[in-house]
Amino acid sequence: MKRCVLPLAGLLLPGCLLVGSSLAAEHKRPPNVVVIFIDDMGYADIGPFGVEGIETPHLDRMASEGMKFTDFIVSSAVCSASRSALLTGCYHRRVGISGALGPKSNIGINANEVTLAEICKQKGYATACFGKWHLGHHPKFLPLAHGFDEYFGLPYSNDMWPFHPAYVNLPAAAAKRKRGFPDLPLIEGNKIVNPKVDGEAQTHLTTWYTEHAVDFIARNKARPFFLYVPHSMVHVPLFVSEKFKGKSKRGLFGDVVMEVDWSVGQILGALKKAGVDDNTLVIFTADNGPWLSYGDHAGSAGSFREGKGTEFEGGIREPTIMRWPGKIPAGSTTDELASTIDILPTVAKLVGAELPQHKIDGQDIRPLMFGQAGAKSPHEAFYCYYAGGQLQAVRDRRWKLHFPHSYRTMAGKPGGKGGVPNSYSQAKIGLELFDLKHDRGETTNVADQHPEIVKRLQQQAEKARLDLGDRLTKRRGKGIRPAGRMTKADQRLFD
């Protein structure tokens, strides 16, 4: 049962002050929303954010026609947790999703959570998800049970198959003892349409997702729609279609990024062809930073520290572009703090939908998005930095305080080659403060110079621990909601 509150009073869409009947008709339809979500993309993996050796002309154009967000972060540096935050507008810790769910997981997104798709359905939107879901693979957790009219894609990461590097080079007996992943299914709606996705099928994934997206736009051009395209790439194992194979100066990884850029171009072109380009908000971002242990098959976080699986900026800061012709200033940039958790409340405001009754953590970022003079981040503090149940950091618009914790690092070693990873080392960080305005690489601890800032952020952290708990300090957290869970009845129904 989905829970909502009363409508937002007095909400007007941009440009909706009506001055005549023809203008009223023109602006009556709320905006379409498209979210393109890349897997494991580093901050410096596309042209607008400084990539070298990879051509991304469509993303370059999107940035020139929209706004770059240079301090846009995710709730978690791991797949499922990050996606739960995007779709619910909550810190992943609040909705009970951590890490990356696998084929043997019996949990998923709870039916009581309100997703972006359900926000849009309130206003009669057509909704679709084409790509990697990763919020539970049982039917009760899949997109059609959470506000989406259509779904086509993989239920979890494309490396969760028998050819995972952890198993593929092992002798058969050893691989069996490790209980490697089962065959990887491709799903349409709630039906498995290919029970055994192989390498050949993976080369078509980006194309298939894109074709579904383009077709969906064409079929729904006469009504408002929400389109979510969570690509399986650039997560390892990397696969690319023949049309982009060998096209990049950066090898297979570059080829894959170029195909993702092509997909963006196809979607933008479909919006133009359908005549809805000027009434569509398009958001391009990613779930977490690069998987650095994979070396030449991983991206780059640029000048940011570390990558996927860590609470440093390299793990959680993502290259983000938003485009809406005539609404978002062309060629603009904001360095104000914003996040994927802000997308749901912002979209709710834009379409005039009701917000969930339960607590969410995102904020309305329309002033930033529309380039309003003097607009600032709505976040007084941001404490999504949970890993292993521990609050590992907290930040505001400028300062970031890390609490003592262990983290994985390549420690200066190169990553692997050809899709086989090198091993991480474990390192530790103490109570350390970084000035992200002047030290985006989190290299210099300035805690001793700014004890008042350390104290203030520690106080914010205490609020977080009371609300969301903390394993290290043995806090349970009053504001945590449970993930959805399979029951015996569910098993009988869906087996």
Protein backbone atom coordinates (compact mmCIF):
# COMPACT_ATOMS: atom_id res chain seq x y z
CA MET A 1 0.00 0.00 0.00
CA LYS A 2 1.61 3.31 -1.03
CA ARG A 3 1.32 6.20 1.39
CA CYS A 4 1.07 9.83 0.27
CA VAL A 5 0.29 13.19 1.85
CA LEU A 6 -1.92 16.04 0.82
CA PRO A 7 -1.13 17.83 -2.46
CA LEU A 8 1.51 20.54 -2.45
CA ALA A 9 -0.47 23.74 -2.09
CA GLY A 10 -0.10 26.54 -4.58
CA LEU A 11 2.31 24.70 -6.87
CA LEU A 12 2.78 26.24 -10.32
CA LEU A 13 4.97 24.82 -13.02
CA PRO A 14 7.55 27.16 -14.58
CA GLY A 15 5.85 29.16 -17.31
CA CYS A 16 2.31 28.31 -16.16
CA LEU A 17 1.01 31.79 -15.42
CA LEU A 18 -1.67 31.73 -18.08
CA VAL A 19 -2.39 34.79 -20.18
CA GLY A 20 -4.79 33.31 -22.72
CA SER A 21 -6.64 30.15 -23.62
CA SER A 22 -4.14 29.08 -26.30
CA LEU A 23 -1.22 29.57 -23.91
CA ALA A 24 -3.11 27.65 -21.23
CA ALA A 25 -3.56 24.71 -23.57
CA GLU A 26 0.11 24.83 -24.56
CA HIS A 27 1.36 24.65 -20.98
CA LYS A 28 -1.26 22.37 -19.43
CA ARG A 29 0.78 19.24 -20.01
CA PRO A 30 3.43 18.67 -17.30
CA PRO A 31 7.02 17.92 -18.37
CA ASN A 32 8.32 14.52 -19.39
CA VAL A 33 11.21 13.20 -17.31
CA VAL A 34 14.06 11.01 -18.57
CA VAL A 35 16.73 9.65 -16.19
CA ILE A 36 19.76 7.97 -17.79
CA PHE A 37 21.72 6.12 -15.11
CA ILE A 38 25.14 4.63 -15.87
CA ASP A 39 26.74 1.81 -13.89
CA ASP A 40 30.22 2.33 -12.37
CA MET A 41 31.03 5.53 -14.27
CA GLY A 42 33.86 7.67 -12.92
CA TYR A 43 33.70 11.44 -12.62
CA ALA A 44 36.20 11.91 -15.46
CA ASP A 45 34.77 9.38 -17.94
CA ILE A 46 32.95 11.75 -20.34
CA GLY A 47 33.92 14.81 -22.34
CA PRO A 48 32.18 17.49 -20.28
CA PHE A 49 34.10 16.32 -17.21
CA GLY A 50 37.54 16.04 -18.76
CA VAL A 51 37.90 12.61 -20.32
CA GLU A 52 40.77 12.11 -22.76
CA GLY A 53 40.83 9.70 -25.67
CA ILE A 54 37.08 9.05 -25.71
CA GLU A 55 34.69 10.99 -27.92
CA THR A 56 31.31 11.82 -26.36
CA PRO A 57 29.73 14.33 -28.77
CA HIS A 58 26.14 13.80 -27.59
CA LEU A 59 26.99 14.35 -23.94
CA ASP A 60 29.10 17.33 -24.96
CA ARG A 61 26.03 18.75 -26.70
CA MET A 62 23.81 17.92 -23.76
CA ALA A 63 26.15 19.87 -21.49
CA SER A 64 26.30 22.81 -23.90
CA GLU A 65 22.49 22.92 -23.93
CA GLY A 66 22.05 22.28 -20.20
CA MET A 67 23.77 22.40 -16.84
CA LYS A 68 26.72 20.51 -15.40
CA PHE A 69 26.57 19.62 -11.71
CA THR A 70 30.16 19.36 -10.47
CA ASP A 71 29.31 18.40 -6.86
CA PHE A 72 26.59 15.82 -7.43
CA ILE A 73 26.82 12.81 -5.15
CA VAL A 74 25.09 9.48 -4.61
CA SER A 75 23.93 7.89 -1.37
CA SER A 76 26.19 4.88 -1.67
CA ALA A 77 29.23 3.79 -3.66
CA VAL A 78 27.61 0.40 -4.33
CA CYS A 79 24.95 -0.57 -6.88
CA SER A 80 21.70 -1.57 -5.14
CA ALA A 81 22.04 0.89 -2.29
CA SER A 82 22.63 3.75 -4.72
CA ARG A 83 19.63 2.81 -6.87
CA SER A 84 17.33 2.57 -3.87
CA ALA A 85 18.22 6.16 -2.98
CA LEU A 86 17.63 7.48 -6.50
CA LEU A 87 14.18 5.91 -6.79
CA THR A 88 12.93 6.72 -3.25
CA GLY A 89 14.52 10.10 -2.52
CA CYS A 90 15.98 8.61 0.69
CA TYR A 91 19.37 7.69 2.05
CA HIS A 92 19.81 4.01 1.26
CA ARG A 93 20.24 3.31 4.97
CA ARG A 94 16.71 4.60 5.61
CA VAL A 95 15.08 2.14 3.20
CA GLY A 96 17.07 -0.88 4.36
CA ILE A 97 19.05 -1.55 1.17
CA SER A 98 22.82 -1.96 1.44
CA GLY A 99 25.49 -3.21 -0.89
CA ALA A 100 24.66 -5.11 -4.06
CA LEU A 101 21.82 -7.63 -4.09
CA GLY A 102 22.54 -10.89 -5.87
CA PRO A 103 20.68 -13.86 -7.38
CA LYS A 104 20.32 -15.48 -3.95
CA SER A 105 19.02 -12.37 -2.18
CA ASN A 106 15.58 -12.67 -0.64
CA ILE A 107 15.12 -8.97 -0.02
CA GLY A 108 14.34 -6.01 -2.27
CA ILE A 109 12.61 -2.66 -2.33
CA ASN A 110 9.71 -2.55 0.12
CA ALA A 111 6.17 -2.19 -1.27
CA ASN A 112 5.60 0.73 1.13
CA GLU A 113 8.32 2.83 -0.46
CA VAL A 114 7.15 5.37 -3.06
CA THR A 115 9.27 5.38 -6.20
CA LEU A 116 9.85 8.06 -8.79
CA ALA A 117 7.61 6.11 -11.12
CA GLU A 118 4.78 6.12 -8.58
CA ILE A 119 5.21 9.86 -8.06
CA CYS A 120 4.67 10.33 -11.80
CA LYS A 121 1.81 7.81 -11.99
CA GLN A 122 -0.20 10.10 -9.71
CA LYS A 123 -0.44 12.47 -12.68
CA GLY A 124 -1.26 9.85 -15.30
CA TYR A 125 2.27 9.42 -16.65
CA ALA A 126 3.34 6.50 -18.78
CA THR A 127 6.34 4.91 -17.06
CA ALA A 128 9.09 2.56 -18.19
CA CYS A 129 12.40 1.11 -17.01
CA PHE A 130 14.82 -0.31 -19.58
CA GLY A 131 18.09 -1.62 -18.16
CA LYS A 132 19.58 -2.94 -14.95
CA TRP A 133 17.13 -2.92 -12.01
CA HIS A 134 19.08 -4.37 -9.04
CA LEU A 135 16.47 -3.78 -6.32
CA GLY A 136 15.38 -7.40 -6.01
CA HIS A 137 14.86 -10.02 -8.71
CA HIS A 138 11.66 -11.67 -7.47
CA PRO A 139 8.46 -10.40 -9.14
CA LYS A 140 7.28 -8.57 -6.01
CA PHE A 141 10.44 -6.44 -6.19
CA LEU A 142 10.62 -5.90 -9.96
CA PRO A 143 9.65 -2.60 -11.69
CA LEU A 144 6.06 -3.55 -12.56
CA ALA A 145 5.29 -3.84 -8.84
CA HIS A 146 6.70 -0.36 -8.17
CA GLY A 147 4.99 2.01 -10.57
CA PHE A 148 6.47 1.08 -13.93
CA ASP A 149 4.21 0.12 -16.82
CA GLU A 150 7.02 -1.51 -18.79
CA TYR A 151 10.31 -3.20 -18.00
CA PHE A 152 13.05 -4.79 -20.07
CA GLY A 153 16.49 -5.61 -18.73
CA LEU A 154 18.70 -7.51 -16.30
CA PRO A 155 17.54 -7.95 -12.69
CA TYR A 156 21.03 -7.33 -11.30
CA SER A 157 24.63 -6.68 -12.41
CA ASN A 158 25.89 -8.26 -15.60
CA ASP A 159 28.85 -9.88 -13.80
CA MET A 160 26.52 -11.99 -11.67
CA TRP A 161 26.78 -14.95 -14.01
CA PRO A 162 28.88 -18.14 -14.27
CA PHE A 163 31.71 -16.25 -15.97
CA HIS A 164 32.44 -13.93 -13.06
CA PRO A 165 36.24 -13.48 -12.72
CA ALA A 166 36.09 -14.93 -9.21
CA TYR A 167 35.00 -18.29 -10.64
CA VAL A 168 35.85 -18.50 -14.30
CA ASN A 169 39.55 -19.35 -13.87
CA LEU A 170 39.01 -21.84 -11.06
CA PRO A 171 39.03 -25.62 -11.60
CA ALA A 172 35.50 -26.96 -11.88
CA ALA A 173 35.54 -28.57 -8.43
CA ALA A 174 36.75 -25.39 -6.75
CA ALA A 175 34.20 -23.28 -8.62
CA LYS A 176 31.43 -25.62 -7.50
CA ARG A 177 32.58 -25.35 -3.88
CA LYS A 178 32.43 -21.56 -4.17
CA ARG A 179 28.85 -21.85 -5.43
CA GLY A 180 29.27 -19.46 -8.31
CA PHE A 181 26.48 -17.43 -9.88
CA PRO A 182 23.65 -19.07 -11.83
CA ASP A 183 22.78 -18.22 -15.41
CA LEU A 184 21.95 -14.56 -16.01
CA PRO A 185 18.31 -13.90 -17.06
CA LEU A 186 16.93 -11.18 -19.32
CA ILE A 187 13.44 -10.08 -18.27
CA GLU A 188 10.58 -8.36 -20.08
CA GLY A 189 7.73 -7.34 -17.81
CA ASN A 190 7.83 -10.12 -15.22
CA LYS A 191 8.72 -12.82 -17.72
CA ILE A 192 12.17 -14.23 -18.38
CA VAL A 193 12.66 -13.95 -22.15
CA ASN A 194 16.23 -15.23 -22.18
CA PRO A 195 17.14 -17.50 -19.25
CA LYS A 196 20.81 -17.76 -20.18
CA VAL A 197 22.31 -14.46 -21.31
CA ASP A 198 25.68 -15.09 -22.95
CA GLY A 199 28.47 -12.84 -24.19
CA GLU A 200 26.84 -12.35 -27.56
CA ALA A 201 23.63 -11.13 -25.92
CA GLN A 202 25.61 -8.77 -23.70
CA THR A 203 27.06 -7.05 -26.77
CA HIS A 204 23.50 -5.99 -27.64
CA LEU A 205 22.36 -4.75 -24.22
CA THR A 206 23.09 -1.05 -24.74
CA THR A 207 21.42 -1.17 -28.16
CA TRP A 208 18.38 -3.08 -26.90
CA TYR A 209 17.82 -0.71 -23.98
CA THR A 210 18.13 2.24 -26.33
CA GLU A 211 15.73 0.80 -28.91
CA HIS A 212 13.15 0.21 -26.19
CA ALA A 213 13.60 3.78 -24.95
CA VAL A 214 13.21 5.30 -28.41
CA ASP A 215 10.11 3.21 -29.10
CA PHE A 216 8.60 4.17 -25.74
CA ILE A 217 9.05 7.88 -26.49
CA ALA A 218 7.42 7.51 -29.90
CA ARG A 219 4.44 5.61 -28.48
CA ASN A 220 3.85 8.07 -25.63
CA LYS A 221 4.52 11.43 -27.26
CA ALA A 222 0.90 12.49 -26.77
CA ARG A 223 0.96 12.01 -22.98
CA PRO A 224 3.44 12.81 -20.21
CA PHE A 225 5.97 10.08 -19.52
CA PHE A 226 8.75 9.07 -17.13
CA LEU A 227 11.54 7.05 -18.71
CA TYR A 228 14.29 5.43 -16.62
CA VAL A 229 17.27 3.99 -18.52
CA PRO A 230 19.73 2.36 -16.07
CA HIS A 231 22.40 1.00 -18.41
CA SER A 232 24.27 -2.20 -17.53
CA MET A 233 27.46 -0.63 -18.83
CA VAL A 234 30.11 0.51 -17.96
CA HIS A 235 30.10 -2.20 -15.29
CA VAL A 236 32.42 -5.13 -15.96
CA PRO A 237 32.38 -7.40 -17.85
CA LEU A 238 32.51 -4.88 -20.69
CA PHE A 239 30.67 -5.63 -23.92
CA VAL A 240 30.12 -3.43 -26.94
CA SER A 241 28.28 -3.84 -30.23
CA GLU A 242 30.08 -4.15 -33.55
CA LYS A 243 29.22 -0.56 -34.45
CA PHE A 244 31.55 0.77 -31.74
CA LYS A 245 34.09 -2.00 -31.44
CA GLY A 246 37.61 -0.59 -31.82
CA LYS A 247 36.41 3.01 -32.25
CA SER A 248 38.08 4.51 -29.18
CA LYS A 249 41.68 5.41 -28.38
CA ARG A 250 41.09 3.97 -24.90
CA GLY A 251 40.41 0.37 -25.83
CA LEU A 252 37.29 -1.56 -24.93
CA PHE A 253 36.35 0.74 -22.05
CA GLY A 254 36.42 3.73 -24.38
CA ASP A 255 34.34 1.87 -26.96
CA VAL A 256 31.70 1.15 -24.31
CA VAL A 257 31.56 4.79 -23.20
CA MET A 258 31.17 5.86 -26.81
CA GLU A 259 28.21 3.51 -27.21
CA VAL A 260 26.60 4.92 -24.06
CA ASP A 261 27.07 8.39 -25.56
CA TRP A 262 25.43 7.15 -28.76
CA SER A 263 22.49 5.95 -26.68
CA VAL A 264 22.11 9.44 -25.19
CA GLY A 265 22.09 10.85 -28.72
CA GLN A 266 19.41 8.40 -29.81
CA ILE A 267 17.19 9.35 -26.87
CA LEU A 268 17.66 13.09 -27.43
CA GLY A 269 16.91 12.57 -31.12
CA ALA A 270 13.75 10.63 -30.31
CA LEU A 271 12.53 13.48 -28.10
CA LYS A 272 13.14 15.93 -30.92
CA LYS A 273 11.40 13.72 -33.48
CA ALA A 274 8.40 13.28 -31.19
CA GLY A 275 8.10 17.05 -30.79
CA VAL A 276 8.54 16.93 -27.00
CA ASP A 277 12.16 18.03 -26.69
CA ASP A 278 11.30 21.44 -25.22
CA ASN A 279 9.05 19.91 -22.59
CA THR A 280 11.38 17.19 -21.32
CA LEU A 281 13.82 17.20 -18.41
CA VAL A 282 16.71 14.83 -19.17
CA ILE A 283 19.08 13.85 -16.36
CA PHE A 284 22.33 11.97 -16.97
CA THR A 285 24.23 10.60 -13.96
CA ALA A 286 25.58 7.33 -12.50
CA ASP A 287 25.31 5.05 -9.49
CA ASN A 288 28.88 5.14 -8.15
CA GLY A 289 32.50 5.69 -9.13
CA PRO A 290 34.89 3.44 -11.07
CA TRP A 291 35.80 -0.10 -10.05
CA LEU A 292 39.50 0.68 -9.90
CA SER A 293 40.75 -2.88 -9.41
CA TYR A 294 39.77 -3.60 -13.02
CA GLY A 295 42.37 -1.19 -14.40
CA ASP A 296 41.99 -0.79 -18.16
CA HIS A 297 38.36 -1.99 -17.95
CA ALA A 298 37.50 0.70 -15.36
CA GLY A 299 37.03 4.43 -15.61
CA SER A 300 38.65 7.32 -13.80
CA ALA A 301 37.62 9.48 -10.87
CA GLY A 302 39.97 12.19 -12.11
CA SER A 303 41.46 14.18 -9.23
CA PHE A 304 39.13 12.60 -6.65
CA ARG A 305 40.37 10.02 -4.17
CA GLU A 306 39.66 6.30 -4.54
CA GLY A 307 36.61 4.84 -6.32
CA LYS A 308 33.68 2.46 -6.06
CA GLY A 309 33.11 0.90 -2.66
CA THR A 310 34.62 3.78 -0.67
CA GLU A 311 33.20 6.91 0.95
CA PHE A 312 35.79 9.16 -0.65
CA GLU A 313 34.68 11.50 -3.42
CA GLY A 314 35.96 9.14 -6.11
CA GLY A 315 33.35 6.63 -4.99
CA ILE A 316 30.35 8.90 -4.61
CA ARG A 317 30.74 12.01 -6.81
CA GLU A 318 29.27 11.52 -10.28
CA PRO A 319 29.40 13.36 -13.63
CA THR A 320 25.90 14.82 -13.90
CA ILE A 321 24.16 16.82 -16.62
CA MET A 322 20.60 18.13 -16.68
CA ARG A 323 18.97 19.49 -19.81
CA TRP A 324 15.58 21.14 -20.40
CA PRO A 325 15.59 23.65 -23.28
CA GLY A 326 14.17 27.00 -22.27
CA LYS A 327 14.12 26.12 -18.57
CA ILE A 328 17.67 25.09 -17.63
CA PRO A 329 20.25 27.72 -18.72
CA ALA A 330 22.31 26.45 -21.65
CA GLY A 331 26.03 25.96 -21.07
CA SER A 332 25.73 26.52 -17.33
CA THR A 333 27.51 24.93 -14.36
CA THR A 334 26.78 24.71 -10.65
CA ASP A 335 29.24 23.62 -7.99
CA GLU A 336 26.60 23.53 -5.28
CA LEU A 337 26.03 20.24 -3.46
CA ALA A 338 23.16 18.14 -4.85
CA SER A 339 22.36 14.44 -5.02
CA THR A 340 20.35 11.68 -6.60
CA ILE A 341 18.09 11.75 -3.54
CA ASP A 342 16.99 15.24 -4.66
CA ILE A 343 15.55 14.03 -7.97
CA LEU A 344 12.32 12.58 -6.53
CA PRO A 345 11.20 15.68 -4.58
CA THR A 346 12.24 17.94 -7.45
CA VAL A 347 10.24 15.93 -9.97
CA ALA A 348 7.27 15.86 -7.59
CA LYS A 349 7.31 19.66 -7.48
CA LEU A 350 7.63 19.90 -11.26
CA VAL A 351 4.69 17.63 -12.02
CA GLY A 352 2.49 18.71 -9.12
CA ALA A 353 2.45 15.32 -7.41
CA GLU A 354 2.11 14.46 -3.73
CA LEU A 355 5.22 13.64 -1.75
CA PRO A 356 5.35 10.41 0.28
CA GLN A 357 3.88 10.55 3.78
CA HIS A 358 6.95 8.92 5.25
CA LYS A 359 10.21 10.79 5.67
CA ILE A 360 12.44 11.37 2.68
CA ASP A 361 15.90 12.93 2.68
CA GLY A 362 16.03 14.65 -0.70
CA GLN A 363 15.35 18.33 -1.27
CA ASP A 364 13.84 20.38 -4.09
CA ILE A 365 16.74 21.65 -6.23
CA ARG A 366 14.75 23.58 -8.83
CA PRO A 367 16.48 26.88 -7.89
CA LEU A 368 19.86 25.30 -8.70
CA MET A 369 18.57 23.54 -11.80
CA PHE A 370 16.95 26.67 -13.23
CA GLY A 371 20.01 28.82 -12.50
CA GLN A 372 18.25 31.11 -10.05
CA ALA A 373 20.57 33.92 -8.95
CA GLY A 374 22.15 33.18 -5.58
CA ALA A 375 20.72 29.66 -5.38
CA LYS A 376 22.49 27.51 -2.79
CA SER A 377 22.44 23.84 -1.91
CA PRO A 378 19.42 23.03 0.28
CA HIS A 379 21.51 20.58 2.32
CA GLU A 380 22.74 21.79 5.71
CA ALA A 381 24.52 18.48 6.09
CA PHE A 382 24.75 15.26 4.14
CA TYR A 383 25.21 11.97 5.95
CA CYS A 384 24.68 9.24 3.45
CA TYR A 385 28.16 7.86 4.01
CA TYR A 386 27.20 4.51 5.51
CA ALA A 387 29.11 1.32 4.78
CA GLY A 388 28.84 -1.92 6.69
CA GLY A 389 26.29 -0.25 8.95
CA GLN A 390 28.81 2.37 10.07
CA LEU A 391 28.55 6.10 9.50
CA GLN A 392 31.94 6.75 7.93
CA ALA A 393 31.69 10.44 7.03
CA VAL A 394 29.47 13.52 7.07
CA ARG A 395 29.74 16.73 5.05
CA ASP A 396 28.21 20.09 4.28
CA ARG A 397 28.63 22.28 1.20
CA ARG A 398 32.37 22.74 1.86
CA TRP A 399 33.70 20.51 4.61
CA LYS A 400 33.84 16.73 4.92
CA LEU A 401 34.64 14.90 8.13
CA HIS A 402 35.70 11.24 8.01
CA PHE A 403 35.34 9.05 11.08
CA PRO A 404 37.87 6.28 11.75
CA HIS A 405 37.24 3.38 9.39
CA SER A 406 38.91 0.90 7.09
CA TYR A 407 38.61 1.15 3.31
CA ARG A 408 39.83 -0.66 0.24
CA THR A 409 42.47 0.88 -1.97
CA MET A 410 44.80 -0.01 -4.81
CA ALA A 411 47.53 1.72 -2.76
CA GLY A 412 49.29 2.97 -5.85
CA LYS A 413 49.22 -0.40 -7.62
CA PRO A 414 47.86 -0.55 -11.16
CA GLY A 415 44.51 -2.17 -11.73
CA GLY A 416 44.11 -5.36 -13.68
CA LYS A 417 44.02 -5.90 -17.42
CA GLY A 418 41.61 -7.44 -19.88
CA GLY A 419 38.73 -7.78 -17.41
CA VAL A 420 40.70 -9.57 -14.68
CA PRO A 421 41.07 -7.45 -11.53
CA ASN A 422 44.09 -6.81 -9.35
CA SER A 423 43.62 -7.19 -5.62
CA TYR A 424 42.83 -4.34 -3.25
CA SER A 425 44.69 -3.60 -0.03
CA GLN A 426 43.07 -2.44 3.19
CA ALA A 427 43.91 0.95 4.66
CA LYS A 428 42.64 3.01 7.58
CA ILE A 429 41.67 6.64 8.03
CA GLY A 430 41.26 8.39 11.37
CA LEU A 431 39.15 11.38 12.35
CA GLU A 432 40.09 13.62 9.43
CA LEU A 433 38.63 16.84 8.05
CA PHE A 434 38.96 17.94 4.43
CA ASP A 435 38.19 21.27 2.79
CA LEU A 436 36.51 20.11 -0.42
CA LYS A 437 36.52 23.64 -1.82
CA HIS A 438 40.33 23.73 -1.93
CA ASP A 439 41.20 20.05 -1.59
CA ARG A 440 38.83 17.99 -3.70
CA GLY A 441 41.24 15.05 -3.60
CA GLU A 442 40.91 14.73 0.20
CA THR A 443 44.67 14.79 0.62
CA THR A 444 45.26 17.15 3.56
CA ASN A 445 43.73 16.66 6.99
CA VAL A 446 42.92 20.09 8.48
CA ALA A 447 41.08 18.92 11.61
CA ASP A 448 43.61 20.56 13.95
CA GLN A 449 43.19 23.93 12.21
CA HIS A 450 39.37 23.90 12.39
CA PRO A 451 38.22 22.30 15.67
CA GLU A 452 34.94 24.26 15.57
CA ILE A 453 34.04 22.72 12.21
CA VAL A 454 34.95 19.25 13.47
CA LYS A 455 32.68 19.80 16.46
CA ARG A 456 29.79 21.04 14.33
CA LEU A 457 30.01 18.09 11.93
CA GLN A 458 30.30 15.66 14.84
CA GLN A 459 27.03 17.08 16.15
CA GLN A 460 25.45 16.51 12.74
CA ALA A 461 26.77 12.95 12.82
CA GLU A 462 25.08 12.36 16.17
CA LYS A 463 21.76 13.38 14.63
CA ALA A 464 22.42 10.88 11.86
CA ARG A 465 23.21 8.08 14.30
CA LEU A 466 20.03 8.69 16.27
CA ASP A 467 18.02 8.62 13.05
CA LEU A 468 19.80 5.98 10.98
CA GLY A 469 21.87 4.09 13.54
CA ASP A 470 25.52 3.15 13.58
CA ARG A 471 27.03 -0.30 14.01
CA LEU A 472 30.24 1.02 15.56
CA THR A 473 28.48 2.99 18.30
CA LYS A 474 25.74 0.33 18.61
CA ARG A 475 22.89 2.67 17.66
CA ARG A 476 19.84 1.07 16.08
CA GLY A 477 18.37 4.20 14.52
CA LYS A 478 14.77 5.35 14.91
CA GLY A 479 14.20 6.25 11.26
CA ILE A 480 15.20 3.04 9.47
CA ARG A 481 12.49 1.28 7.48
CA PRO A 482 12.79 -2.40 6.53
CA ALA A 483 13.54 -3.67 3.07
CA GLY A 484 10.96 -5.89 1.43
CA ARG A 485 11.42 -9.56 2.19
CA MET A 486 10.29 -12.79 0.58
CA THR A 487 7.86 -14.86 2.63
CA LYS A 488 6.85 -18.49 2.32
CA ALA A 489 3.62 -17.35 0.71
CA ASP A 490 5.61 -15.31 -1.81
CA GLN A 491 7.71 -18.31 -2.65
CA ARG A 492 4.62 -20.46 -3.30
CA LEU A 493 3.10 -17.72 -5.44
CA PHE A 494 6.14 -17.04 -7.60
CA ASP A 495 7.91 -20.42 -7.86
